[in-house]
Amino acid sequence: TTITSISGSVKEQGIVSFFGRLNYAFNGKYSL
């Protein structure tokens, strides 16, 4: 006979990432 309450929600989130990594080592002594 009576609708006492109506509720609703929606939530959306996006994350986009690009990355690069370079490891360099010389003669077992130096690294970058």
PDB file of all heavy atoms in Angstrom:
ATOM      1  N   THR A   1       0.824  -1.218   0.000  1.00  0.00           N
ATOM      2  CA  THR A   1       0.000   0.000   0.000  1.00  0.00           C
ATOM      3  C   THR A   1       0.854   1.262   0.000  1.00  0.00           C
ATOM      4  O   THR A   1       0.424   2.307  -0.470  1.00  0.00           O
ATOM      5  CB  THR A   1      -0.910   0.002   1.233  1.00  0.00           C
ATOM      6  OG1 THR A   1      -0.105  -0.092   2.424  1.00  0.00           O
ATOM      7  CG2 THR A   1      -1.883  -1.176   1.189  1.00  0.00           C
ATOM      8  N   THR A   2       2.091   1.169   0.563  1.00  0.00           N
ATOM      9  CA  THR A   2       2.942   2.360   0.668  1.00  0.00           C
ATOM     10  C   THR A   2       4.393   1.985   0.365  1.00  0.00           C
ATOM     11  O   THR A   2       4.916   1.010   0.924  1.00  0.00           O
ATOM     12  CB  THR A   2       2.885   2.966   2.083  1.00  0.00           C
ATOM     13  OG1 THR A   2       1.536   3.246   2.418  1.00  0.00           O
ATOM     14  CG2 THR A   2       3.714   4.246   2.156  1.00  0.00           C
ATOM     15  N   ILE A   3       5.021   2.736  -0.519  1.00  0.00           N
ATOM     16  CA  ILE A   3       6.459   2.624  -0.747  1.00  0.00           C
ATOM     17  C   ILE A   3       7.116   3.631   0.197  1.00  0.00           C
ATOM     18  O   ILE A   3       6.963   4.847   0.035  1.00  0.00           O
ATOM     19  CB  ILE A   3       6.837   2.921  -2.202  1.00  0.00           C
ATOM     20  CG1 ILE A   3       6.125   1.957  -3.148  1.00  0.00           C
ATOM     21  CG2 ILE A   3       8.346   2.821  -2.382  1.00  0.00           C
ATOM     22  CD1 ILE A   3       6.493   0.499  -2.954  1.00  0.00           C
ATOM     23  N   THR A   4       7.822   3.153   1.209  1.00  0.00           N
ATOM     24  CA  THR A   4       8.346   4.051   2.245  1.00  0.00           C
ATOM     25  C   THR A   4       9.665   4.711   1.873  1.00  0.00           C
ATOM     26  O   THR A   4       9.957   5.821   2.325  1.00  0.00           O
ATOM     27  CB  THR A   4       8.516   3.282   3.560  1.00  0.00           C
ATOM     28  OG1 THR A   4       9.357   2.143   3.338  1.00  0.00           O
ATOM     29  CG2 THR A   4       7.167   2.807   4.085  1.00  0.00           C
ATOM     30  N   SER A   5      10.495   4.047   1.073  1.00  0.00           N
ATOM     31  CA  SER A   5      11.759   4.670   0.685  1.00  0.00           C
ATOM     32  C   SER A   5      12.316   4.001  -0.562  1.00  0.00           C
ATOM     33  O   SER A   5      12.118   2.804  -0.788  1.00  0.00           O
ATOM     34  CB  SER A   5      12.796   4.580   1.818  1.00  0.00           C
ATOM     35  OG  SER A   5      13.192   3.249   2.020  1.00  0.00           O
ATOM     36  N   ILE A   6      13.004   4.806  -1.364  1.00  0.00           N
ATOM     37  CA  ILE A   6      13.708   4.320  -2.548  1.00  0.00           C
ATOM     38  C   ILE A   6      15.061   5.019  -2.584  1.00  0.00           C
ATOM     39  O   ILE A   6      15.143   6.246  -2.408  1.00  0.00           O
ATOM     40  CB  ILE A   6      12.933   4.635  -3.841  1.00  0.00           C
ATOM     41  CG1 ILE A   6      11.567   3.940  -3.843  1.00  0.00           C
ATOM     42  CG2 ILE A   6      13.743   4.198  -5.059  1.00  0.00           C
ATOM     43  CD1 ILE A   6      10.722   4.289  -5.043  1.00  0.00           C
ATOM     44  N   SER A   7      16.126   4.268  -2.768  1.00  0.00           N
ATOM     45  CA  SER A   7      17.460   4.859  -2.825  1.00  0.00           C
ATOM     46  C   SER A   7      18.313   4.089  -3.820  1.00  0.00           C
ATOM     47  O   SER A   7      18.010   2.942  -4.156  1.00  0.00           O
ATOM     48  CB  SER A   7      18.122   4.849  -1.441  1.00  0.00           C
ATOM     49  OG  SER A   7      18.318   3.526  -0.992  1.00  0.00           O
ATOM     50  N   GLY A   8      19.375   4.739  -4.251  1.00  0.00           N
ATOM     51  CA  GLY A   8      20.295   4.092  -5.182  1.00  0.00           C
ATOM     52  C   GLY A   8      21.524   4.941  -5.397  1.00  0.00           C
ATOM     53  O   GLY A   8      21.519   6.155  -5.146  1.00  0.00           O
ATOM     54  N   SER A   9      22.602   4.324  -5.814  1.00  0.00           N
ATOM     55  CA  SER A   9      23.840   5.045  -6.089  1.00  0.00           C
ATOM     56  C   SER A   9      24.669   4.258  -7.088  1.00  0.00           C
ATOM     57  O   SER A   9      24.502   3.054  -7.245  1.00  0.00           O
ATOM     58  CB  SER A   9      24.642   5.266  -4.801  1.00  0.00           C
ATOM     59  OG  SER A   9      25.107   4.045  -4.276  1.00  0.00           O
ATOM     60  N   VAL A  10      25.556   4.963  -7.744  1.00  0.00           N
ATOM     61  CA  VAL A  10      26.487   4.331  -8.669  1.00  0.00           C
ATOM     62  C   VAL A  10      27.815   5.067  -8.587  1.00  0.00           C
ATOM     63  O   VAL A  10      27.844   6.292  -8.404  1.00  0.00           O
ATOM     64  CB  VAL A  10      25.935   4.346 -10.118  1.00  0.00           C
ATOM     65  CG1 VAL A  10      25.750   5.778 -10.608  1.00  0.00           C
ATOM     66  CG2 VAL A  10      26.863   3.581 -11.052  1.00  0.00           C
ATOM     67  N   LYS A  11      28.894   4.336  -8.643  1.00  0.00           N
ATOM     68  CA  LYS A  11      30.219   4.948  -8.544  1.00  0.00           C
ATOM     69  C   LYS A  11      31.173   4.184  -9.460  1.00  0.00           C
ATOM     70  O   LYS A  11      31.216   2.957  -9.440  1.00  0.00           O
ATOM     71  CB  LYS A  11      30.721   4.907  -7.106  1.00  0.00           C
ATOM     72  CG  LYS A  11      32.061   5.605  -6.882  1.00  0.00           C
ATOM     73  CD  LYS A  11      32.469   5.536  -5.417  1.00  0.00           C
ATOM     74  CE  LYS A  11      31.538   6.396  -4.564  1.00  0.00           C
ATOM     75  NZ  LYS A  11      32.045   6.467  -3.154  1.00  0.00           N
ATOM     76  N   GLU A  12      31.936   4.939 -10.253  1.00  0.00           N
ATOM     77  CA  GLU A  12      32.878   4.320 -11.178  1.00  0.00           C
ATOM     78  C   GLU A  12      34.145   5.156 -11.230  1.00  0.00           C
ATOM     79  O   GLU A  12      34.084   6.389 -11.259  1.00  0.00           O
ATOM     80  CB  GLU A  12      32.266   4.193 -12.571  1.00  0.00           C
ATOM     81  CG  GLU A  12      33.086   3.348 -13.533  1.00  0.00           C
ATOM     82  CD  GLU A  12      32.330   3.056 -14.815  1.00  0.00           C
ATOM     83  OE1 GLU A  12      32.339   3.943 -15.696  1.00  0.00           O
ATOM     84  OE2 GLU A  12      31.730   1.976 -14.925  1.00  0.00           O
ATOM     85  N   GLN A  13      35.278   4.475 -11.238  1.00  0.00           N
ATOM     86  CA  GLN A  13      36.559   5.167 -11.268  1.00  0.00           C
ATOM     87  C   GLN A  13      37.546   4.380 -12.111  1.00  0.00           C
ATOM     88  O   GLN A  13      37.628   3.154 -12.014  1.00  0.00           O
ATOM     89  CB  GLN A  13      37.109   5.342  -9.847  1.00  0.00           C
ATOM     90  CG  GLN A  13      38.425   6.108  -9.782  1.00  0.00           C
ATOM     91  CD  GLN A  13      38.868   6.351  -8.341  1.00  0.00           C
ATOM     92  OE1 GLN A  13      38.211   5.907  -7.399  1.00  0.00           O
ATOM     93  NE2 GLN A  13      39.965   7.063  -8.161  1.00  0.00           N
ATOM     94  N   GLY A  14      38.295   5.105 -12.954  1.00  0.00           N
ATOM     95  CA  GLY A  14      39.292   4.467 -13.807  1.00  0.00           C
ATOM     96  C   GLY A  14      40.676   5.052 -13.589  1.00  0.00           C
ATOM     97  O   GLY A  14      40.825   6.252 -13.339  1.00  0.00           O
ATOM     98  N   ILE A  15      41.687   4.194 -13.655  1.00  0.00           N
ATOM     99  CA  ILE A  15      43.086   4.621 -13.532  1.00  0.00           C
ATOM    100  C   ILE A  15      43.873   3.983 -14.678  1.00  0.00           C
ATOM    101  O   ILE A  15      43.780   2.769 -14.905  1.00  0.00           O
ATOM    102  CB  ILE A  15      43.687   4.193 -12.189  1.00  0.00           C
ATOM    103  CG1 ILE A  15      42.913   4.836 -11.031  1.00  0.00           C
ATOM    104  CG2 ILE A  15      45.165   4.571 -12.113  1.00  0.00           C
ATOM    105  CD1 ILE A  15      43.392   4.387  -9.656  1.00  0.00           C
ATOM    106  N   VAL A  16      44.625   4.795 -15.403  1.00  0.00           N
ATOM    107  CA  VAL A  16      45.430   4.336 -16.529  1.00  0.00           C
ATOM    108  C   VAL A  16      46.882   4.720 -16.274  1.00  0.00           C
ATOM    109  O   VAL A  16      47.166   5.859 -15.878  1.00  0.00           O
ATOM    110  CB  VAL A  16      44.950   4.941 -17.862  1.00  0.00           C
ATOM    111  CG1 VAL A  16      45.831   4.476 -19.009  1.00  0.00           C
ATOM    112  CG2 VAL A  16      43.496   4.583 -18.125  1.00  0.00           C
ATOM    113  N   SER A  17      47.813   3.788 -16.496  1.00  0.00           N
ATOM    114  CA  SER A  17      49.224   4.049 -16.216  1.00  0.00           C
ATOM    115  C   SER A  17      50.106   3.532 -17.352  1.00  0.00           C
ATOM    116  O   SER A  17      49.869   2.445 -17.894  1.00  0.00           O
ATOM    117  CB  SER A  17      49.654   3.365 -14.912  1.00  0.00           C
ATOM    118  OG  SER A  17      48.880   3.808 -13.821  1.00  0.00           O
ATOM    119  N   PHE A  18      51.136   4.311 -17.681  1.00  0.00           N
ATOM    120  CA  PHE A  18      52.199   3.908 -18.591  1.00  0.00           C
ATOM    121  C   PHE A  18      53.525   4.043 -17.836  1.00  0.00           C
ATOM    122  O   PHE A  18      53.709   5.023 -17.095  1.00  0.00           O
ATOM    123  CB  PHE A  18      52.241   4.797 -19.841  1.00  0.00           C
ATOM    124  CG  PHE A  18      50.997   4.728 -20.686  1.00  0.00           C
ATOM    125  CD1 PHE A  18      49.928   5.586 -20.443  1.00  0.00           C
ATOM    126  CD2 PHE A  18      50.901   3.818 -21.729  1.00  0.00           C
ATOM    127  CE1 PHE A  18      48.785   5.534 -21.219  1.00  0.00           C
ATOM    128  CE2 PHE A  18      49.767   3.756 -22.510  1.00  0.00           C
ATOM    129  CZ  PHE A  18      48.699   4.614 -22.258  1.00  0.00           C
ATOM    130  N   PHE A  19      54.442   3.094 -18.020  1.00  0.00           N
ATOM    131  CA  PHE A  19      55.689   3.184 -17.274  1.00  0.00           C
ATOM    132  C   PHE A  19      56.811   2.501 -18.041  1.00  0.00           C
ATOM    133  O   PHE A  19      56.590   1.642 -18.901  1.00  0.00           O
ATOM    134  CB  PHE A  19      55.552   2.548 -15.883  1.00  0.00           C
ATOM    135  CG  PHE A  19      55.088   1.115 -15.898  1.00  0.00           C
ATOM    136  CD1 PHE A  19      55.986   0.067 -16.004  1.00  0.00           C
ATOM    137  CD2 PHE A  19      53.732   0.819 -15.814  1.00  0.00           C
ATOM    138  CE1 PHE A  19      55.551  -1.248 -16.024  1.00  0.00           C
ATOM    139  CE2 PHE A  19      53.282  -0.489 -15.832  1.00  0.00           C
ATOM    140  CZ  PHE A  19      54.191  -1.533 -15.940  1.00  0.00           C
ATOM    141  N   GLY A  20      58.022   2.920 -17.701  1.00  0.00           N
ATOM    142  CA  GLY A  20      59.212   2.322 -18.281  1.00  0.00           C
ATOM    143  C   GLY A  20      60.338   2.317 -17.261  1.00  0.00           C
ATOM    144  O   GLY A  20      60.440   3.239 -16.442  1.00  0.00           O
ATOM    145  N   ARG A  21      61.186   1.280 -17.300  1.00  0.00           N
ATOM    146  CA  ARG A  21      62.306   1.179 -16.358  1.00  0.00           C
ATOM    147  C   ARG A  21      63.522   0.623 -17.073  1.00  0.00           C
ATOM    148  O   ARG A  21      63.430  -0.358 -17.828  1.00  0.00           O
ATOM    149  CB  ARG A  21      61.936   0.266 -15.196  1.00  0.00           C
ATOM    150  CG  ARG A  21      63.023   0.189 -14.110  1.00  0.00           C
ATOM    151  CD  ARG A  21      62.740  -0.931 -13.130  1.00  0.00           C
ATOM    152  NE  ARG A  21      62.874  -2.239 -13.772  1.00  0.00           N
ATOM    153  CZ  ARG A  21      62.245  -3.329 -13.356  1.00  0.00           C
ATOM    154  NH1 ARG A  21      61.413  -3.271 -12.334  1.00  0.00           N
ATOM    155  NH2 ARG A  21      62.425  -4.486 -13.987  1.00  0.00           N
ATOM    156  N   LEU A  22      64.676   1.234 -16.823  1.00  0.00           N
ATOM    157  CA  LEU A  22      65.936   0.801 -17.402  1.00  0.00           C
ATOM    158  C   LEU A  22      66.921   0.507 -16.280  1.00  0.00           C
ATOM    159  O   LEU A  22      67.185   1.366 -15.436  1.00  0.00           O
ATOM    160  CB  LEU A  22      66.517   1.876 -18.322  1.00  0.00           C
ATOM    161  CG  LEU A  22      67.934   1.615 -18.851  1.00  0.00           C
ATOM    162  CD1 LEU A  22      67.950   0.390 -19.771  1.00  0.00           C
ATOM    163  CD2 LEU A  22      68.481   2.838 -19.561  1.00  0.00           C
ATOM    164  N   ASN A  23      67.458  -0.722 -16.266  1.00  0.00           N
ATOM    165  CA  ASN A  23      68.529  -1.104 -15.343  1.00  0.00           C
ATOM    166  C   ASN A  23      69.804  -1.320 -16.144  1.00  0.00           C
ATOM    167  O   ASN A  23      69.806  -2.087 -17.120  1.00  0.00           O
ATOM    168  CB  ASN A  23      68.181  -2.401 -14.594  1.00  0.00           C
ATOM    169  CG  ASN A  23      67.070  -2.187 -13.585  1.00  0.00           C
ATOM    170  OD1 ASN A  23      66.947  -1.126 -12.994  1.00  0.00           O
ATOM    171  ND2 ASN A  23      66.250  -3.209 -13.379  1.00  0.00           N
ATOM    172  N   TYR A  24      70.869  -0.653 -15.719  1.00  0.00           N
ATOM    173  CA  TYR A  24      72.155  -0.805 -16.403  1.00  0.00           C
ATOM    174  C   TYR A  24      73.239  -1.031 -15.355  1.00  0.00           C
ATOM    175  O   TYR A  24      73.301  -0.326 -14.340  1.00  0.00           O
ATOM    176  CB  TYR A  24      72.492   0.433 -17.226  1.00  0.00           C
ATOM    177  CG  TYR A  24      73.909   0.432 -17.760  1.00  0.00           C
ATOM    178  CD1 TYR A  24      74.269  -0.389 -18.820  1.00  0.00           C
ATOM    179  CD2 TYR A  24      74.882   1.251 -17.184  1.00  0.00           C
ATOM    180  CE1 TYR A  24      75.570  -0.411 -19.294  1.00  0.00           C
ATOM    181  CE2 TYR A  24      76.184   1.244 -17.653  1.00  0.00           C
ATOM    182  CZ  TYR A  24      76.532   0.407 -18.716  1.00  0.00           C
ATOM    183  OH  TYR A  24      77.828   0.391 -19.177  1.00  0.00           O
ATOM    184  N   ALA A  25      74.091  -2.035 -15.578  1.00  0.00           N
ATOM    185  CA  ALA A  25      75.209  -2.322 -14.677  1.00  0.00           C
ATOM    186  C   ALA A  25      76.479  -2.498 -15.486  1.00  0.00           C
ATOM    187  O   ALA A  25      76.454  -3.071 -16.591  1.00  0.00           O
ATOM    188  CB  ALA A  25      74.930  -3.589 -13.859  1.00  0.00           C
ATOM    189  N   PHE A  26      77.605  -1.999 -14.934  1.00  0.00           N
ATOM    190  CA  PHE A  26      78.883  -2.075 -15.649  1.00  0.00           C
ATOM    191  C   PHE A  26      79.927  -2.753 -14.766  1.00  0.00           C
ATOM    192  O   PHE A  26      80.194  -2.302 -13.640  1.00  0.00           O
ATOM    193  CB  PHE A  26      79.368  -0.682 -16.040  1.00  0.00           C
ATOM    194  CG  PHE A  26      80.749  -0.659 -16.622  1.00  0.00           C
ATOM    195  CD1 PHE A  26      81.006  -1.183 -17.887  1.00  0.00           C
ATOM    196  CD2 PHE A  26      81.825  -0.156 -15.881  1.00  0.00           C
ATOM    197  CE1 PHE A  26      82.282  -1.187 -18.411  1.00  0.00           C
ATOM    198  CE2 PHE A  26      83.107  -0.148 -16.412  1.00  0.00           C
ATOM    199  CZ  PHE A  26      83.340  -0.666 -17.676  1.00  0.00           C
ATOM    200  N   ASN A  27      80.455  -3.847 -15.281  1.00  0.00           N
ATOM    201  CA  ASN A  27      81.618  -4.510 -14.702  1.00  0.00           C
ATOM    202  C   ASN A  27      81.395  -4.939 -13.247  1.00  0.00           C
ATOM    203  O   ASN A  27      82.347  -5.016 -12.468  1.00  0.00           O
ATOM    204  CB  ASN A  27      82.848  -3.594 -14.800  1.00  0.00           C
ATOM    205  CG  ASN A  27      84.149  -4.391 -14.729  1.00  0.00           C
ATOM    206  OD1 ASN A  27      84.180  -5.569 -15.079  1.00  0.00           O
ATOM    207  ND2 ASN A  27      85.211  -3.739 -14.281  1.00  0.00           N
ATOM    208  N   GLY A  28      80.165  -5.182 -12.855  1.00  0.00           N
ATOM    209  CA  GLY A  28      79.885  -5.641 -11.497  1.00  0.00           C
ATOM    210  C   GLY A  28      80.181  -4.618 -10.422  1.00  0.00           C
ATOM    211  O   GLY A  28      80.256  -4.958  -9.237  1.00  0.00           O
ATOM    212  N   LYS A  29      80.349  -3.342 -10.813  1.00  0.00           N
ATOM    213  CA  LYS A  29      80.698  -2.302  -9.836  1.00  0.00           C
ATOM    214  C   LYS A  29      79.709  -1.139  -9.814  1.00  0.00           C
ATOM    215  O   LYS A  29      79.414  -0.603  -8.747  1.00  0.00           O
ATOM    216  CB  LYS A  29      82.099  -1.737 -10.131  1.00  0.00           C
ATOM    217  CG  LYS A  29      83.220  -2.752 -10.101  1.00  0.00           C
ATOM    218  CD  LYS A  29      84.539  -2.090 -10.465  1.00  0.00           C
ATOM    219  CE  LYS A  29      85.679  -3.101 -10.511  1.00  0.00           C
ATOM    220  NZ  LYS A  29      86.960  -2.445 -10.892  1.00  0.00           N
ATOM    221  N   TYR A  30      79.233  -0.754 -10.980  1.00  0.00           N
ATOM    222  CA  TYR A  30      78.420   0.460 -11.075  1.00  0.00           C
ATOM    223  C   TYR A  30      77.055   0.111 -11.653  1.00  0.00           C
ATOM    224  O   TYR A  30      76.940  -0.728 -12.560  1.00  0.00           O
ATOM    225  CB  TYR A  30      79.109   1.506 -11.965  1.00  0.00           C
ATOM    226  CG  TYR A  30      80.581   1.658 -11.666  1.00  0.00           C
ATOM    227  CD1 TYR A  30      81.544   1.115 -12.523  1.00  0.00           C
ATOM    228  CD2 TYR A  30      81.005   2.306 -10.520  1.00  0.00           C
ATOM    229  CE1 TYR A  30      82.898   1.219 -12.252  1.00  0.00           C
ATOM    230  CE2 TYR A  30      82.362   2.429 -10.233  1.00  0.00           C
ATOM    231  CZ  TYR A  30      83.298   1.890 -11.095  1.00  0.00           C
ATOM    232  OH  TYR A  30      84.636   1.996 -10.816  1.00  0.00           O
ATOM    233  N   SER A  31      76.031   0.770 -11.154  1.00  0.00           N
ATOM    234  CA  SER A  31      74.674   0.477 -11.631  1.00  0.00           C
ATOM    235  C   SER A  31      73.867   1.762 -11.740  1.00  0.00           C
ATOM    236  O   SER A  31      74.109   2.750 -11.037  1.00  0.00           O
ATOM    237  CB  SER A  31      73.970  -0.497 -10.682  1.00  0.00           C
ATOM    238  OG  SER A  31      73.834   0.056  -9.386  1.00  0.00           O
ATOM    239  N   LEU A  32      72.911   1.718 -12.647  1.00  0.00           N
ATOM    240  CA  LEU A  32      71.993   2.840 -12.880  1.00  0.00           C
ATOM    241  C   LEU A  32      70.594   2.274 -13.069  1.00  0.00           C
ATOM    242  O   LEU A  32      70.396   1.322 -13.831  1.00  0.00           O
ATOM    243  CB  LEU A  32      72.417   3.620 -14.139  1.00  0.00           C
ATOM    244  CG  LEU A  32      71.376   4.589 -14.724  1.00  0.00           C
ATOM    245  CD1 LEU A  32      71.181   5.785 -13.791  1.00  0.00           C
ATOM    246  CD2 LEU A  32      71.791   5.057 -16.114  1.00  0.00           C
TER     247      LEU A  32
END
